[in-house]
Amino acid sequence: IAETGTLLLTLQITADDLFWREESGRMMSTVDVYIGEKTTAGNIHFQESRINAKFLPEQMAAIRNQGLPFRRQWKIGTDTLLIRALVRDPRTGKLGTVDIPKSAFKGDKIGKGAF
């Protein structure tokens, strides 16, 4: 947690699991990221983001090696029990998920993972 009540989520999305296309000399991919925050009352608050990734061919080796980064920071509710991140490639329908329980909401390394 970056500051009290703030969660910093960092995902490294496996590039080889995504559909890449070449367009205008760049490698391009689209990724949808959905984040659900489940509360003690059973409510779920959603956030969604779309990554429109564009890289030069010489940058792709690093992306394939390190993954496609995604970072999101937000203030979580005091009644949050669980964070679920879902990554979806809209071209192929492939999904990846990670659940982060409240017990992991400490330190600066929470939410780091790979899909």
N, C-alpha and C. Protein backbone atom coordinates (compact mmCIF):
# COMPACT_ATOMS: atom_id res chain seq x y z
N ILE A 1 0.86 -1.18 0.00
CA ILE A 1 0.00 0.00 0.00
C ILE A 1 0.90 1.23 0.00
N ALA A 2 0.71 2.10 -0.95
CA ALA A 2 1.56 3.26 -1.13
C ALA A 2 1.41 4.27 0.01
N GLU A 3 0.20 4.66 0.35
CA GLU A 3 -0.08 5.50 1.50
C GLU A 3 -1.31 4.88 2.16
N THR A 4 -1.60 5.27 3.35
CA THR A 4 -2.69 4.64 4.08
C THR A 4 -3.97 4.61 3.25
N GLY A 5 -4.50 3.40 3.05
CA GLY A 5 -5.74 3.23 2.31
C GLY A 5 -5.59 3.24 0.80
N THR A 6 -4.37 3.36 0.30
CA THR A 6 -4.13 3.40 -1.14
C THR A 6 -3.43 2.12 -1.58
N LEU A 7 -3.95 1.51 -2.61
CA LEU A 7 -3.37 0.28 -3.14
C LEU A 7 -2.67 0.58 -4.46
N LEU A 8 -1.46 0.08 -4.59
CA LEU A 8 -0.73 0.17 -5.86
C LEU A 8 -0.65 -1.24 -6.42
N LEU A 9 -1.33 -1.47 -7.52
CA LEU A 9 -1.37 -2.77 -8.17
C LEU A 9 -0.48 -2.73 -9.40
N THR A 10 0.45 -3.67 -9.49
CA THR A 10 1.33 -3.79 -10.64
C THR A 10 1.20 -5.18 -11.21
N LEU A 11 0.86 -5.27 -12.48
CA LEU A 11 0.76 -6.55 -13.18
C LEU A 11 1.80 -6.58 -14.29
N GLN A 12 2.38 -7.73 -14.53
CA GLN A 12 3.26 -7.97 -15.67
C GLN A 12 2.54 -9.01 -16.52
N ILE A 13 1.97 -8.60 -17.63
CA ILE A 13 1.15 -9.45 -18.48
C ILE A 13 2.06 -10.15 -19.49
N THR A 14 1.98 -11.46 -19.53
CA THR A 14 2.83 -12.25 -20.41
C THR A 14 2.52 -11.92 -21.87
N ALA A 15 3.49 -11.34 -22.56
CA ALA A 15 3.29 -10.87 -23.93
C ALA A 15 2.98 -12.00 -24.90
N ASP A 16 3.58 -13.18 -24.68
CA ASP A 16 3.36 -14.30 -25.59
C ASP A 16 1.94 -14.86 -25.52
N ASP A 17 1.18 -14.48 -24.50
CA ASP A 17 -0.22 -14.91 -24.39
C ASP A 17 -1.18 -13.97 -25.13
N LEU A 18 -0.64 -12.90 -25.70
CA LEU A 18 -1.48 -11.91 -26.37
C LEU A 18 -1.37 -12.04 -27.89
N PHE A 19 -2.42 -11.57 -28.57
CA PHE A 19 -2.42 -11.51 -30.02
C PHE A 19 -1.74 -10.20 -30.43
N TRP A 20 -0.68 -10.30 -31.21
CA TRP A 20 0.05 -9.13 -31.71
C TRP A 20 -0.12 -9.04 -33.22
N ARG A 21 -0.25 -7.83 -33.71
CA ARG A 21 -0.34 -7.60 -35.15
C ARG A 21 0.64 -6.48 -35.51
N GLU A 22 1.13 -6.54 -36.75
CA GLU A 22 2.02 -5.49 -37.20
C GLU A 22 1.21 -4.47 -37.99
N GLU A 23 1.42 -3.22 -37.65
CA GLU A 23 0.71 -2.14 -38.33
C GLU A 23 1.62 -0.91 -38.36
N SER A 24 1.87 -0.39 -39.53
CA SER A 24 2.71 0.80 -39.71
C SER A 24 4.08 0.65 -39.05
N GLY A 25 4.66 -0.54 -39.16
CA GLY A 25 5.98 -0.77 -38.62
C GLY A 25 6.04 -0.98 -37.11
N ARG A 26 4.90 -1.09 -36.47
CA ARG A 26 4.85 -1.31 -35.02
C ARG A 26 4.08 -2.58 -34.71
N MET A 27 4.44 -3.20 -33.60
CA MET A 27 3.70 -4.36 -33.11
C MET A 27 2.64 -3.82 -32.16
N MET A 28 1.39 -4.27 -32.39
CA MET A 28 0.27 -3.72 -31.63
C MET A 28 -0.56 -4.84 -31.00
N SER A 29 -1.07 -4.54 -29.81
CA SER A 29 -1.96 -5.47 -29.12
C SER A 29 -2.92 -4.65 -28.25
N THR A 30 -4.08 -5.22 -28.00
CA THR A 30 -5.07 -4.59 -27.13
C THR A 30 -5.36 -5.53 -25.98
N VAL A 31 -5.41 -4.98 -24.77
CA VAL A 31 -5.66 -5.77 -23.57
C VAL A 31 -6.67 -5.04 -22.71
N ASP A 32 -7.67 -5.77 -22.23
CA ASP A 32 -8.64 -5.21 -21.28
C ASP A 32 -8.28 -5.70 -19.88
N VAL A 33 -8.28 -4.78 -18.92
CA VAL A 33 -7.99 -5.11 -17.53
C VAL A 33 -9.19 -4.69 -16.70
N TYR A 34 -9.73 -5.66 -15.95
CA TYR A 34 -10.87 -5.42 -15.07
C TYR A 34 -10.42 -5.67 -13.64
N ILE A 35 -10.77 -4.77 -12.75
CA ILE A 35 -10.43 -4.92 -11.34
C ILE A 35 -11.71 -4.89 -10.53
N GLY A 36 -11.91 -5.92 -9.73
CA GLY A 36 -13.06 -5.99 -8.84
C GLY A 36 -12.60 -5.90 -7.40
N GLU A 37 -13.31 -5.10 -6.62
CA GLU A 37 -13.01 -4.92 -5.21
C GLU A 37 -14.22 -5.40 -4.42
N LYS A 38 -14.09 -6.56 -3.76
CA LYS A 38 -15.21 -7.16 -3.02
C LYS A 38 -15.18 -6.67 -1.58
N THR A 39 -16.36 -6.25 -1.09
CA THR A 39 -16.48 -5.70 0.26
C THR A 39 -17.06 -6.73 1.23
N THR A 40 -17.00 -6.41 2.50
CA THR A 40 -17.54 -7.30 3.53
C THR A 40 -19.05 -7.50 3.36
N ALA A 41 -19.74 -6.55 2.76
CA ALA A 41 -21.18 -6.66 2.53
C ALA A 41 -21.50 -7.48 1.28
N GLY A 42 -20.46 -7.91 0.57
CA GLY A 42 -20.66 -8.70 -0.64
C GLY A 42 -20.79 -7.88 -1.91
N ASN A 43 -20.68 -6.57 -1.80
CA ASN A 43 -20.74 -5.70 -2.97
C ASN A 43 -19.40 -5.77 -3.72
N ILE A 44 -19.46 -5.56 -5.02
CA ILE A 44 -18.25 -5.55 -5.83
C ILE A 44 -18.20 -4.25 -6.62
N HIS A 45 -17.11 -3.53 -6.45
CA HIS A 45 -16.89 -2.28 -7.19
C HIS A 45 -15.90 -2.59 -8.31
N PHE A 46 -16.25 -2.18 -9.53
CA PHE A 46 -15.43 -2.50 -10.70
C PHE A 46 -14.73 -1.28 -11.26
N GLN A 47 -13.55 -1.54 -11.80
CA GLN A 47 -12.82 -0.56 -12.61
C GLN A 47 -12.41 -1.30 -13.88
N GLU A 48 -12.35 -0.59 -14.97
CA GLU A 48 -11.86 -1.22 -16.19
C GLU A 48 -10.94 -0.27 -16.94
N SER A 49 -9.98 -0.87 -17.61
CA SER A 49 -9.01 -0.12 -18.39
C SER A 49 -8.72 -0.88 -19.67
N ARG A 50 -8.32 -0.16 -20.68
CA ARG A 50 -7.89 -0.79 -21.93
C ARG A 50 -6.48 -0.32 -22.23
N ILE A 51 -5.61 -1.29 -22.51
CA ILE A 51 -4.25 -0.99 -22.93
C ILE A 51 -4.20 -1.14 -24.44
N ASN A 52 -3.80 -0.09 -25.13
CA ASN A 52 -3.55 -0.16 -26.57
C ASN A 52 -2.04 -0.07 -26.74
N ALA A 53 -1.39 -1.24 -26.71
CA ALA A 53 0.07 -1.31 -26.73
C ALA A 53 0.59 -1.18 -28.15
N LYS A 54 1.65 -0.37 -28.30
CA LYS A 54 2.31 -0.17 -29.59
C LYS A 54 3.80 -0.11 -29.34
N PHE A 55 4.54 -1.02 -29.97
CA PHE A 55 5.98 -1.08 -29.77
C PHE A 55 6.69 -1.24 -31.10
N LEU A 56 7.88 -0.68 -31.18
CA LEU A 56 8.73 -0.92 -32.33
C LEU A 56 9.24 -2.35 -32.26
N PRO A 57 9.51 -2.97 -33.40
CA PRO A 57 9.98 -4.36 -33.38
C PRO A 57 11.18 -4.59 -32.46
N GLU A 58 12.11 -3.62 -32.39
CA GLU A 58 13.28 -3.80 -31.53
C GLU A 58 12.94 -3.72 -30.04
N GLN A 59 11.77 -3.20 -29.68
CA GLN A 59 11.33 -3.16 -28.28
C GLN A 59 10.64 -4.45 -27.85
N MET A 60 10.22 -5.27 -28.81
CA MET A 60 9.42 -6.46 -28.49
C MET A 60 10.19 -7.51 -27.70
N ALA A 61 11.50 -7.61 -27.89
CA ALA A 61 12.28 -8.59 -27.13
C ALA A 61 12.16 -8.30 -25.63
N ALA A 62 12.27 -7.04 -25.25
CA ALA A 62 12.16 -6.67 -23.84
C ALA A 62 10.74 -6.92 -23.32
N ILE A 63 9.73 -6.62 -24.13
CA ILE A 63 8.34 -6.84 -23.71
C ILE A 63 8.08 -8.33 -23.55
N ARG A 64 8.60 -9.13 -24.47
CA ARG A 64 8.41 -10.58 -24.34
C ARG A 64 9.15 -11.14 -23.12
N ASN A 65 10.27 -10.55 -22.79
CA ASN A 65 11.07 -11.02 -21.66
C ASN A 65 10.49 -10.54 -20.32
N GLN A 66 10.07 -9.30 -20.25
CA GLN A 66 9.64 -8.69 -18.99
C GLN A 66 8.13 -8.66 -18.80
N GLY A 67 7.38 -8.78 -19.88
CA GLY A 67 5.93 -8.68 -19.81
C GLY A 67 5.45 -7.26 -20.09
N LEU A 68 4.18 -7.16 -20.37
CA LEU A 68 3.54 -5.87 -20.63
C LEU A 68 3.09 -5.30 -19.28
N PRO A 69 3.63 -4.16 -18.86
CA PRO A 69 3.31 -3.65 -17.53
C PRO A 69 1.95 -2.96 -17.47
N PHE A 70 1.30 -3.11 -16.33
CA PHE A 70 0.06 -2.40 -16.03
C PHE A 70 0.15 -1.96 -14.57
N ARG A 71 -0.09 -0.69 -14.32
CA ARG A 71 -0.08 -0.16 -12.95
C ARG A 71 -1.35 0.64 -12.71
N ARG A 72 -1.89 0.46 -11.54
CA ARG A 72 -3.07 1.23 -11.14
C ARG A 72 -2.97 1.49 -9.65
N GLN A 73 -3.21 2.72 -9.26
CA GLN A 73 -3.22 3.09 -7.84
C GLN A 73 -4.55 3.74 -7.53
N TRP A 74 -5.17 3.32 -6.44
CA TRP A 74 -6.44 3.89 -6.04
C TRP A 74 -6.65 3.70 -4.55
N LYS A 75 -7.57 4.47 -4.00
CA LYS A 75 -7.91 4.37 -2.58
C LYS A 75 -8.95 3.26 -2.44
N ILE A 76 -8.61 2.24 -1.65
CA ILE A 76 -9.53 1.13 -1.45
C ILE A 76 -10.40 1.40 -0.24
N GLY A 77 -11.58 0.75 -0.23
CA GLY A 77 -12.49 0.90 0.89
C GLY A 77 -11.96 0.20 2.14
N THR A 78 -12.32 0.71 3.30
CA THR A 78 -11.90 0.08 4.55
C THR A 78 -12.55 -1.28 4.73
N ASP A 79 -13.64 -1.52 4.00
CA ASP A 79 -14.34 -2.81 4.11
C ASP A 79 -13.99 -3.78 2.98
N THR A 80 -12.91 -3.50 2.26
CA THR A 80 -12.49 -4.37 1.16
C THR A 80 -11.92 -5.68 1.70
N LEU A 81 -12.41 -6.79 1.15
CA LEU A 81 -11.94 -8.12 1.54
C LEU A 81 -10.96 -8.71 0.53
N LEU A 82 -11.19 -8.40 -0.75
CA LEU A 82 -10.46 -9.07 -1.82
C LEU A 82 -10.41 -8.18 -3.05
N ILE A 83 -9.29 -8.22 -3.74
CA ILE A 83 -9.14 -7.57 -5.05
C ILE A 83 -8.95 -8.69 -6.06
N ARG A 84 -9.70 -8.66 -7.15
CA ARG A 84 -9.50 -9.60 -8.25
C ARG A 84 -9.18 -8.79 -9.50
N ALA A 85 -8.08 -9.15 -10.15
CA ALA A 85 -7.71 -8.54 -11.43
C ALA A 85 -7.91 -9.58 -12.51
N LEU A 86 -8.57 -9.19 -13.57
CA LEU A 86 -8.80 -10.06 -14.72
C LEU A 86 -8.23 -9.36 -15.95
N VAL A 87 -7.43 -10.08 -16.70
CA VAL A 87 -6.83 -9.56 -17.93
C VAL A 87 -7.42 -10.36 -19.08
N ARG A 88 -7.87 -9.65 -20.13
CA ARG A 88 -8.51 -10.32 -21.26
C ARG A 88 -7.96 -9.77 -22.57
N ASP A 89 -7.61 -10.68 -23.46
CA ASP A 89 -7.23 -10.30 -24.82
C ASP A 89 -8.51 -10.34 -25.64
N PRO A 90 -9.05 -9.19 -26.06
CA PRO A 90 -10.32 -9.18 -26.78
C PRO A 90 -10.26 -9.84 -28.16
N ARG A 91 -9.06 -9.99 -28.72
CA ARG A 91 -8.94 -10.63 -30.04
C ARG A 91 -9.05 -12.14 -29.95
N THR A 92 -8.55 -12.74 -28.84
CA THR A 92 -8.56 -14.20 -28.72
C THR A 92 -9.50 -14.71 -27.64
N GLY A 93 -9.91 -13.82 -26.72
CA GLY A 93 -10.75 -14.24 -25.60
C GLY A 93 -9.97 -14.85 -24.45
N LYS A 94 -8.66 -14.97 -24.57
CA LYS A 94 -7.85 -15.53 -23.48
C LYS A 94 -7.97 -14.66 -22.23
N LEU A 95 -8.03 -15.34 -21.07
CA LEU A 95 -8.19 -14.67 -19.79
C LEU A 95 -7.07 -15.07 -18.84
N GLY A 96 -6.76 -14.18 -17.93
CA GLY A 96 -5.88 -14.47 -16.81
C GLY A 96 -6.42 -13.73 -15.60
N THR A 97 -6.32 -14.34 -14.43
CA THR A 97 -6.83 -13.69 -13.22
C THR A 97 -5.83 -13.84 -12.08
N VAL A 98 -5.95 -12.94 -11.13
CA VAL A 98 -5.21 -13.05 -9.87
C VAL A 98 -6.11 -12.49 -8.77
N ASP A 99 -6.18 -13.21 -7.65
CA ASP A 99 -6.92 -12.75 -6.48
C ASP A 99 -5.92 -12.31 -5.41
N ILE A 100 -6.19 -11.17 -4.79
CA ILE A 100 -5.33 -10.65 -3.75
C ILE A 100 -6.18 -10.47 -2.50
N PRO A 101 -6.02 -11.33 -1.50
CA PRO A 101 -6.81 -11.21 -0.28
C PRO A 101 -6.35 -10.04 0.58
N LYS A 102 -7.24 -9.60 1.47
CA LYS A 102 -6.93 -8.46 2.34
C LYS A 102 -5.66 -8.70 3.14
N SER A 103 -5.38 -9.95 3.49
CA SER A 103 -4.20 -10.26 4.28
C SER A 103 -2.90 -9.89 3.55
N ALA A 104 -2.96 -9.71 2.23
CA ALA A 104 -1.78 -9.33 1.45
C ALA A 104 -1.65 -7.82 1.29
N PHE A 105 -2.60 -7.04 1.82
CA PHE A 105 -2.59 -5.59 1.65
C PHE A 105 -1.61 -4.93 2.62
N LYS A 106 -0.33 -5.20 2.44
CA LYS A 106 0.68 -4.55 3.27
C LYS A 106 1.99 -4.53 2.49
N GLY A 107 2.80 -3.56 2.77
CA GLY A 107 4.08 -3.44 2.09
C GLY A 107 3.92 -2.86 0.70
N ASP A 108 5.04 -2.78 -0.01
CA ASP A 108 5.02 -2.17 -1.34
C ASP A 108 5.11 -3.20 -2.46
N LYS A 109 4.91 -4.48 -2.17
CA LYS A 109 5.04 -5.50 -3.17
C LYS A 109 3.72 -6.23 -3.46
N ILE A 110 2.63 -5.76 -2.91
CA ILE A 110 1.38 -6.48 -3.12
C ILE A 110 0.93 -6.36 -4.57
N GLY A 111 0.29 -7.37 -5.02
CA GLY A 111 -0.27 -7.36 -6.36
C GLY A 111 0.73 -7.62 -7.47
N LYS A 112 1.99 -7.80 -7.15
CA LYS A 112 2.95 -8.09 -8.21
C LYS A 112 2.79 -9.54 -8.61
N GLY A 113 2.59 -9.78 -9.88
CA GLY A 113 2.42 -11.13 -10.36
C GLY A 113 2.47 -11.15 -11.87
N ALA A 114 2.46 -12.33 -12.41
CA ALA A 114 2.50 -12.47 -13.86
C ALA A 114 1.33 -13.31 -14.31
N PHE A 115 0.84 -13.04 -15.50
CA PHE A 115 -0.23 -13.82 -16.10
C PHE A 115 0.38 -14.63 -17.21
